[in-house]
Amino acid sequence: MTAAKTMRNQVGFEPYPGQLAAAEAAYRAERGILVAPTGRGKSEIAQLVIDRLQVKTLLVVPSLELKRQLTETFQQSFGKL
């Protein structure tokens, strides 16, 4: 089974290679700041990192709408926040 398919089983989606690479870099550093253009899967990368490291995590977003979307997405993956 590929790493992407394993991750799909854990977080509910199959990450793209670039998302896996970004998550791997964060795992190694155990911290990081993720900056990427709109639509590149920053939320999915954050899910991968949070799921693997199992630590409290602060995510900063520029709008209440993005906060609402992230809350909804993360509740689907991790349960009630």
PDB file of N, CA and C in Angstrom:
ATOM      1  N   MET A   1       0.855  -1.176   0.000  1.00  0.00           N
ATOM      2  CA  MET A   1       0.000   0.000   0.000  1.00  0.00           C
ATOM      3  C   MET A   1       0.899   1.237   0.000  1.00  0.00           C
ATOM      4  N   THR A   2       0.564   2.218  -0.820  1.00  0.00           N
ATOM      5  CA  THR A   2       1.366   3.439  -0.902  1.00  0.00           C
ATOM      6  C   THR A   2       1.119   4.317   0.325  1.00  0.00           C
ATOM      7  N   ALA A   3       2.049   5.244   0.564  1.00  0.00           N
ATOM      8  CA  ALA A   3       1.886   6.182   1.675  1.00  0.00           C
ATOM      9  C   ALA A   3       0.609   6.989   1.506  1.00  0.00           C
ATOM     10  N   ALA A   4       0.317   7.381   0.280  1.00  0.00           N
ATOM     11  CA  ALA A   4      -0.889   8.179   0.026  1.00  0.00           C
ATOM     12  C   ALA A   4      -2.140   7.382   0.364  1.00  0.00           C
ATOM     13  N   LYS A   5      -2.188   6.123  -0.009  1.00  0.00           N
ATOM     14  CA  LYS A   5      -3.370   5.306   0.295  1.00  0.00           C
ATOM     15  C   LYS A   5      -3.489   5.039   1.786  1.00  0.00           C
ATOM     16  N   THR A   6      -2.357   4.870   2.466  1.00  0.00           N
ATOM     17  CA  THR A   6      -2.385   4.709   3.915  1.00  0.00           C
ATOM     18  C   THR A   6      -2.964   5.957   4.557  1.00  0.00           C
ATOM     19  N   MET A   7      -2.537   7.125   4.098  1.00  0.00           N
ATOM     20  CA  MET A   7      -3.045   8.377   4.637  1.00  0.00           C
ATOM     21  C   MET A   7      -4.537   8.530   4.332  1.00  0.00           C
ATOM     22  N   ARG A   8      -4.967   8.073   3.174  1.00  0.00           N
ATOM     23  CA  ARG A   8      -6.394   8.159   2.835  1.00  0.00           C
ATOM     24  C   ARG A   8      -7.208   7.392   3.875  1.00  0.00           C
ATOM     25  N   ASN A   9      -6.709   6.247   4.305  1.00  0.00           N
ATOM     26  CA  ASN A   9      -7.406   5.460   5.306  1.00  0.00           C
ATOM     27  C   ASN A   9      -7.445   6.179   6.655  1.00  0.00           C
ATOM     28  N   GLN A  10      -6.417   6.962   6.958  1.00  0.00           N
ATOM     29  CA  GLN A  10      -6.334   7.624   8.256  1.00  0.00           C
ATOM     30  C   GLN A  10      -7.107   8.939   8.309  1.00  0.00           C
ATOM     31  N   VAL A  11      -7.035   9.755   7.284  1.00  0.00           N
ATOM     32  CA  VAL A  11      -7.666  11.075   7.336  1.00  0.00           C
ATOM     33  C   VAL A  11      -8.800  11.256   6.340  1.00  0.00           C
ATOM     34  N   GLY A  12      -9.094  10.265   5.546  1.00  0.00           N
ATOM     35  CA  GLY A  12     -10.254  10.327   4.677  1.00  0.00           C
ATOM     36  C   GLY A  12     -10.020  10.888   3.294  1.00  0.00           C
ATOM     37  N   PHE A  13      -8.797  11.121   2.892  1.00  0.00           N
ATOM     38  CA  PHE A  13      -8.513  11.578   1.533  1.00  0.00           C
ATOM     39  C   PHE A  13      -7.139  11.069   1.148  1.00  0.00           C
ATOM     40  N   GLU A  14      -6.899  10.975  -0.153  1.00  0.00           N
ATOM     41  CA  GLU A  14      -5.595  10.539  -0.644  1.00  0.00           C
ATOM     42  C   GLU A  14      -4.783  11.765  -1.044  1.00  0.00           C
ATOM     43  N   PRO A  15      -3.736  12.089  -0.275  1.00  0.00           N
ATOM     44  CA  PRO A  15      -2.963  13.302  -0.575  1.00  0.00           C
ATOM     45  C   PRO A  15      -2.154  13.196  -1.852  1.00  0.00           C
ATOM     46  N   TYR A  16      -1.933  14.356  -2.464  1.00  0.00           N
ATOM     47  CA  TYR A  16      -1.060  14.444  -3.631  1.00  0.00           C
ATOM     48  C   TYR A  16       0.396  14.366  -3.181  1.00  0.00           C
ATOM     49  N   PRO A  17       1.309  14.021  -4.086  1.00  0.00           N
ATOM     50  CA  PRO A  17       2.730  13.915  -3.715  1.00  0.00           C
ATOM     51  C   PRO A  17       3.288  15.188  -3.059  1.00  0.00           C
ATOM     52  N   GLY A  18       2.921  16.362  -3.558  1.00  0.00           N
ATOM     53  CA  GLY A  18       3.404  17.609  -2.960  1.00  0.00           C
ATOM     54  C   GLY A  18       2.893  17.816  -1.544  1.00  0.00           C
ATOM     55  N   GLN A  19       1.658  17.379  -1.294  1.00  0.00           N
ATOM     56  CA  GLN A  19       1.109  17.471   0.056  1.00  0.00           C
ATOM     57  C   GLN A  19       1.855  16.533   0.996  1.00  0.00           C
ATOM     58  N   LEU A  20       2.139  15.326   0.530  1.00  0.00           N
ATOM     59  CA  LEU A  20       2.910  14.378   1.349  1.00  0.00           C
ATOM     60  C   LEU A  20       4.304  14.920   1.648  1.00  0.00           C
ATOM     61  N   ALA A  21       4.945  15.514   0.658  1.00  0.00           N
ATOM     62  CA  ALA A  21       6.289  16.065   0.851  1.00  0.00           C
ATOM     63  C   ALA A  21       6.268  17.190   1.892  1.00  0.00           C
ATOM     64  N   ALA A  22       5.282  18.068   1.811  1.00  0.00           N
ATOM     65  CA  ALA A  22       5.174  19.159   2.782  1.00  0.00           C
ATOM     66  C   ALA A  22       4.918  18.615   4.183  1.00  0.00           C
ATOM     67  N   ALA A  23       4.041  17.621   4.291  1.00  0.00           N
ATOM     68  CA  ALA A  23       3.759  17.018   5.596  1.00  0.00           C
ATOM     69  C   ALA A  23       4.998  16.333   6.156  1.00  0.00           C
ATOM     70  N   GLU A  24       5.738  15.632   5.318  1.00  0.00           N
ATOM     71  CA  GLU A  24       6.965  14.964   5.772  1.00  0.00           C
ATOM     72  C   GLU A  24       7.971  15.978   6.311  1.00  0.00           C
ATOM     73  N   ALA A  25       8.097  17.115   5.648  1.00  0.00           N
ATOM     74  CA  ALA A  25       9.020  18.155   6.117  1.00  0.00           C
ATOM     75  C   ALA A  25       8.588  18.653   7.498  1.00  0.00           C
ATOM     76  N   ALA A  26       7.294  18.831   7.697  1.00  0.00           N
ATOM     77  CA  ALA A  26       6.790  19.272   9.000  1.00  0.00           C
ATOM     78  C   ALA A  26       7.009  18.201  10.068  1.00  0.00           C
ATOM     79  N   TYR A  27       6.838  16.910   9.712  1.00  0.00           N
ATOM     80  CA  TYR A  27       7.066  15.829  10.684  1.00  0.00           C
ATOM     81  C   TYR A  27       8.506  15.880  11.184  1.00  0.00           C
ATOM     82  N   ARG A  28       9.424  16.037  10.248  1.00  0.00           N
ATOM     83  CA  ARG A  28      10.844  16.038  10.615  1.00  0.00           C
ATOM     84  C   ARG A  28      11.179  17.220  11.524  1.00  0.00           C
ATOM     85  N   ALA A  29      10.610  18.379  11.227  1.00  0.00           N
ATOM     86  CA  ALA A  29      10.902  19.584  12.008  1.00  0.00           C
ATOM     87  C   ALA A  29      10.064  19.669  13.290  1.00  0.00           C
ATOM     88  N   GLU A  30       8.949  18.944  13.332  1.00  0.00           N
ATOM     89  CA  GLU A  30       7.976  18.975  14.424  1.00  0.00           C
ATOM     90  C   GLU A  30       7.377  20.369  14.622  1.00  0.00           C
ATOM     91  N   ARG A  31       7.448  21.183  13.587  1.00  0.00           N
ATOM     92  CA  ARG A  31       6.836  22.510  13.588  1.00  0.00           C
ATOM     93  C   ARG A  31       6.975  23.105  12.192  1.00  0.00           C
ATOM     94  N   GLY A  32       6.319  24.213  11.961  1.00  0.00           N
ATOM     95  CA  GLY A  32       6.509  24.848  10.671  1.00  0.00           C
ATOM     96  C   GLY A  32       5.427  25.853  10.364  1.00  0.00           C
ATOM     97  N   ILE A  33       5.681  26.598   9.334  1.00  0.00           N
ATOM     98  CA  ILE A  33       4.722  27.552   8.801  1.00  0.00           C
ATOM     99  C   ILE A  33       4.458  27.127   7.363  1.00  0.00           C
ATOM    100  N   LEU A  34       3.219  26.906   7.045  1.00  0.00           N
ATOM    101  CA  LEU A  34       2.845  26.446   5.719  1.00  0.00           C
ATOM    102  C   LEU A  34       2.326  27.631   4.906  1.00  0.00           C
ATOM    103  N   VAL A  35       3.000  27.913   3.835  1.00  0.00           N
ATOM    104  CA  VAL A  35       2.593  28.997   2.942  1.00  0.00           C
ATOM    105  C   VAL A  35       2.484  28.404   1.542  1.00  0.00           C
ATOM    106  N   ALA A  36       1.321  28.544   0.928  1.00  0.00           N
ATOM    107  CA  ALA A  36       1.109  28.016  -0.419  1.00  0.00           C
ATOM    108  C   ALA A  36      -0.039  28.791  -1.063  1.00  0.00           C
ATOM    109  N   PRO A  37      -0.093  28.813  -2.393  1.00  0.00           N
ATOM    110  CA  PRO A  37      -1.187  29.508  -3.084  1.00  0.00           C
ATOM    111  C   PRO A  37      -2.545  28.881  -2.787  1.00  0.00           C
ATOM    112  N   THR A  38      -3.579  29.635  -3.038  1.00  0.00           N
ATOM    113  CA  THR A  38      -4.949  29.150  -2.899  1.00  0.00           C
ATOM    114  C   THR A  38      -5.140  27.876  -3.712  1.00  0.00           C
ATOM    115  N   GLY A  39      -5.805  26.897  -3.104  1.00  0.00           N
ATOM    116  CA  GLY A  39      -6.131  25.669  -3.813  1.00  0.00           C
ATOM    117  C   GLY A  39      -5.039  24.617  -3.822  1.00  0.00           C
ATOM    118  N   ARG A  40      -3.982  24.803  -3.079  1.00  0.00           N
ATOM    119  CA  ARG A  40      -2.877  23.837  -3.060  1.00  0.00           C
ATOM    120  C   ARG A  40      -3.006  22.792  -1.958  1.00  0.00           C
ATOM    121  N   GLY A  41      -4.038  22.881  -1.138  1.00  0.00           N
ATOM    122  CA  GLY A  41      -4.269  21.837  -0.147  1.00  0.00           C
ATOM    123  C   GLY A  41      -3.623  22.066   1.205  1.00  0.00           C
ATOM    124  N   LYS A  42      -3.550  23.319   1.623  1.00  0.00           N
ATOM    125  CA  LYS A  42      -2.954  23.622   2.921  1.00  0.00           C
ATOM    126  C   LYS A  42      -3.734  22.966   4.059  1.00  0.00           C
ATOM    127  N   SER A  43      -5.050  22.974   3.970  1.00  0.00           N
ATOM    128  CA  SER A  43      -5.869  22.356   5.022  1.00  0.00           C
ATOM    129  C   SER A  43      -5.601  20.861   5.102  1.00  0.00           C
ATOM    130  N   GLU A  44      -5.458  20.219   3.946  1.00  0.00           N
ATOM    131  CA  GLU A  44      -5.192  18.787   3.922  1.00  0.00           C
ATOM    132  C   GLU A  44      -3.811  18.469   4.495  1.00  0.00           C
ATOM    133  N   ILE A  45      -2.828  19.313   4.183  1.00  0.00           N
ATOM    134  CA  ILE A  45      -1.485  19.119   4.738  1.00  0.00           C
ATOM    135  C   ILE A  45      -1.544  19.259   6.259  1.00  0.00           C
ATOM    136  N   ALA A  46      -2.257  20.264   6.736  1.00  0.00           N
ATOM    137  CA  ALA A  46      -2.399  20.453   8.179  1.00  0.00           C
ATOM    138  C   ALA A  46      -3.039  19.222   8.812  1.00  0.00           C
ATOM    139  N   GLN A  47      -4.058  18.655   8.179  1.00  0.00           N
ATOM    140  CA  GLN A  47      -4.692  17.445   8.705  1.00  0.00           C
ATOM    141  C   GLN A  47      -3.685  16.309   8.828  1.00  0.00           C
ATOM    142  N   LEU A  48      -2.855  16.130   7.814  1.00  0.00           N
ATOM    143  CA  LEU A  48      -1.852  15.066   7.850  1.00  0.00           C
ATOM    144  C   LEU A  48      -0.905  15.249   9.024  1.00  0.00           C
ATOM    145  N   VAL A  49      -0.435  16.466   9.215  1.00  0.00           N
ATOM    146  CA  VAL A  49       0.519  16.750  10.290  1.00  0.00           C
ATOM    147  C   VAL A  49      -0.136  16.563  11.661  1.00  0.00           C
ATOM    148  N   ILE A  50      -1.322  17.119  11.829  1.00  0.00           N
ATOM    149  CA  ILE A  50      -2.030  17.002  13.107  1.00  0.00           C
ATOM    150  C   ILE A  50      -2.305  15.546  13.434  1.00  0.00           C
ATOM    151  N   ASP A  51      -2.754  14.786  12.446  1.00  0.00           N
ATOM    152  CA  ASP A  51      -3.067  13.373  12.665  1.00  0.00           C
ATOM    153  C   ASP A  51      -1.829  12.590  13.090  1.00  0.00           C
ATOM    154  N   ARG A  52      -0.718  12.861  12.462  1.00  0.00           N
ATOM    155  CA  ARG A  52       0.495  12.094  12.770  1.00  0.00           C
ATOM    156  C   ARG A  52       1.146  12.520  14.083  1.00  0.00           C
ATOM    157  N   LEU A  53       1.257  13.821  14.327  1.00  0.00           N
ATOM    158  CA  LEU A  53       1.963  14.275  15.527  1.00  0.00           C
ATOM    159  C   LEU A  53       1.107  14.205  16.788  1.00  0.00           C
ATOM    160  N   GLN A  54      -0.214  14.259  16.628  1.00  0.00           N
ATOM    161  CA  GLN A  54      -1.130  14.149  17.771  1.00  0.00           C
ATOM    162  C   GLN A  54      -0.791  15.157  18.874  1.00  0.00           C
ATOM    163  N   VAL A  55      -0.640  16.436  18.476  1.00  0.00           N
ATOM    164  CA  VAL A  55      -0.375  17.498  19.439  1.00  0.00           C
ATOM    165  C   VAL A  55      -1.370  18.629  19.220  1.00  0.00           C
ATOM    166  N   LYS A  56      -1.568  19.437  20.251  1.00  0.00           N
ATOM    167  CA  LYS A  56      -2.408  20.617  20.082  1.00  0.00           C
ATOM    168  C   LYS A  56      -1.772  21.500  19.026  1.00  0.00           C
ATOM    169  N   THR A  57      -2.610  22.072  18.183  1.00  0.00           N
ATOM    170  CA  THR A  57      -2.112  22.816  17.033  1.00  0.00           C
ATOM    171  C   THR A  57      -2.863  24.127  16.887  1.00  0.00           C
ATOM    172  N   LEU A  58      -2.130  25.190  16.620  1.00  0.00           N
ATOM    173  CA  LEU A  58      -2.730  26.493  16.358  1.00  0.00           C
ATOM    174  C   LEU A  58      -2.684  26.758  14.866  1.00  0.00           C
ATOM    175  N   LEU A  59      -3.849  27.007  14.286  1.00  0.00           N
ATOM    176  CA  LEU A  59      -3.936  27.394  12.883  1.00  0.00           C
ATOM    177  C   LEU A  59      -4.468  28.822  12.834  1.00  0.00           C
ATOM    178  N   VAL A  60      -3.803  29.669  12.080  1.00  0.00           N
ATOM    179  CA  VAL A  60      -4.222  31.057  11.943  1.00  0.00           C
ATOM    180  C   VAL A  60      -4.723  31.254  10.512  1.00  0.00           C
ATOM    181  N   VAL A  61      -5.942  31.744  10.389  1.00  0.00           N
ATOM    182  CA  VAL A  61      -6.530  31.995   9.071  1.00  0.00           C
ATOM    183  C   VAL A  61      -7.035  33.432   9.025  1.00  0.00           C
ATOM    184  N   PRO A  62      -7.128  34.018   7.822  1.00  0.00           N
ATOM    185  CA  PRO A  62      -7.453  35.439   7.720  1.00  0.00           C
ATOM    186  C   PRO A  62      -8.934  35.807   7.755  1.00  0.00           C
ATOM    187  N   SER A  63      -9.826  34.822   7.872  1.00  0.00           N
ATOM    188  CA  SER A  63     -11.246  35.194   7.878  1.00  0.00           C
ATOM    189  C   SER A  63     -12.069  34.196   8.689  1.00  0.00           C
ATOM    190  N   LEU A  64     -13.216  34.662   9.145  1.00  0.00           N
ATOM    191  CA  LEU A  64     -14.125  33.787   9.886  1.00  0.00           C
ATOM    192  C   LEU A  64     -14.681  32.685   8.987  1.00  0.00           C
ATOM    193  N   GLU A  65     -14.849  32.974   7.715  1.00  0.00           N
ATOM    194  CA  GLU A  65     -15.350  31.955   6.785  1.00  0.00           C
ATOM    195  C   GLU A  65     -14.357  30.808   6.659  1.00  0.00           C
ATOM    196  N   LEU A  66     -13.075  31.117   6.539  1.00  0.00           N
ATOM    197  CA  LEU A  66     -12.069  30.044   6.488  1.00  0.00           C
ATOM    198  C   LEU A  66     -12.022  29.271   7.797  1.00  0.00           C
ATOM    199  N   LYS A  67     -12.191  29.966   8.906  1.00  0.00           N
ATOM    200  CA  LYS A  67     -12.236  29.291  10.208  1.00  0.00           C
ATOM    201  C   LYS A  67     -13.403  28.310  10.250  1.00  0.00           C
ATOM    202  N   ARG A  68     -14.561  28.749   9.764  1.00  0.00           N
ATOM    203  CA  ARG A  68     -15.745  27.878   9.741  1.00  0.00           C
ATOM    204  C   ARG A  68     -15.504  26.648   8.873  1.00  0.00           C
ATOM    205  N   GLN A  69     -14.909  26.869   7.697  1.00  0.00           N
ATOM    206  CA  GLN A  69     -14.626  25.749   6.790  1.00  0.00           C
ATOM    207  C   GLN A  69     -13.647  24.756   7.415  1.00  0.00           C
ATOM    208  N   LEU A  70     -12.591  25.276   8.035  1.00  0.00           N
ATOM    209  CA  LEU A  70     -11.614  24.390   8.680  1.00  0.00           C
ATOM    210  C   LEU A  70     -12.237  23.611   9.824  1.00  0.00           C
ATOM    211  N   THR A  71     -13.036  24.280  10.626  1.00  0.00           N
ATOM    212  CA  THR A  71     -13.696  23.606  11.745  1.00  0.00           C
ATOM    213  C   THR A  71     -14.551  22.459  11.233  1.00  0.00           C
ATOM    214  N   GLU A  72     -15.321  22.708  10.194  1.00  0.00           N
ATOM    215  CA  GLU A  72     -16.182  21.678   9.616  1.00  0.00           C
ATOM    216  C   GLU A  72     -15.352  20.508   9.072  1.00  0.00           C
ATOM    217  N   THR A  73     -14.297  20.822   8.325  1.00  0.00           N
ATOM    218  CA  THR A  73     -13.442  19.788   7.745  1.00  0.00           C
ATOM    219  C   THR A  73     -12.771  18.960   8.821  1.00  0.00           C
ATOM    220  N   PHE A  74     -12.226  19.629   9.839  1.00  0.00           N
ATOM    221  CA  PHE A  74     -11.510  18.909  10.887  1.00  0.00           C
ATOM    222  C   PHE A  74     -12.457  18.087  11.747  1.00  0.00           C
ATOM    223  N   GLN A  75     -13.678  18.555  11.963  1.00  0.00           N
ATOM    224  CA  GLN A  75     -14.642  17.761  12.718  1.00  0.00           C
ATOM    225  C   GLN A  75     -14.983  16.479  11.973  1.00  0.00           C
ATOM    226  N   GLN A  76     -15.028  16.532  10.644  1.00  0.00           N
ATOM    227  CA  GLN A  76     -15.287  15.321   9.871  1.00  0.00           C
ATOM    228  C   GLN A  76     -14.134  14.327  10.012  1.00  0.00           C
ATOM    229  N   SER A  77     -12.912  14.822  10.108  1.00  0.00           N
ATOM    230  CA  SER A  77     -11.746  13.935  10.215  1.00  0.00           C
ATOM    231  C   SER A  77     -11.455  13.491  11.643  1.00  0.00           C
ATOM    232  N   PHE A  78     -11.599  14.411  12.599  1.00  0.00           N
ATOM    233  CA  PHE A  78     -11.150  14.134  13.960  1.00  0.00           C
ATOM    234  C   PHE A  78     -12.271  14.028  14.984  1.00  0.00           C
ATOM    235  N   GLY A  79     -13.497  14.294  14.599  1.00  0.00           N
ATOM    236  CA  GLY A  79     -14.588  14.298  15.553  1.00  0.00           C
ATOM    237  C   GLY A  79     -14.755  15.675  16.163  1.00  0.00           C
ATOM    238  N   LYS A  80     -15.596  15.758  17.181  1.00  0.00           N
ATOM    239  CA  LYS A  80     -15.894  17.055  17.814  1.00  0.00           C
ATOM    240  C   LYS A  80     -14.625  17.695  18.342  1.00  0.00           C
ATOM    241  N   LEU A  81     -14.475  18.975  18.039  1.00  0.00           N
ATOM    242  CA  LEU A  81     -13.279  19.724  18.484  1.00  0.00           C
ATOM    243  C   LEU A  81     -13.558  20.421  19.791  1.00  0.00           C
TER     244      LEU A  81
END
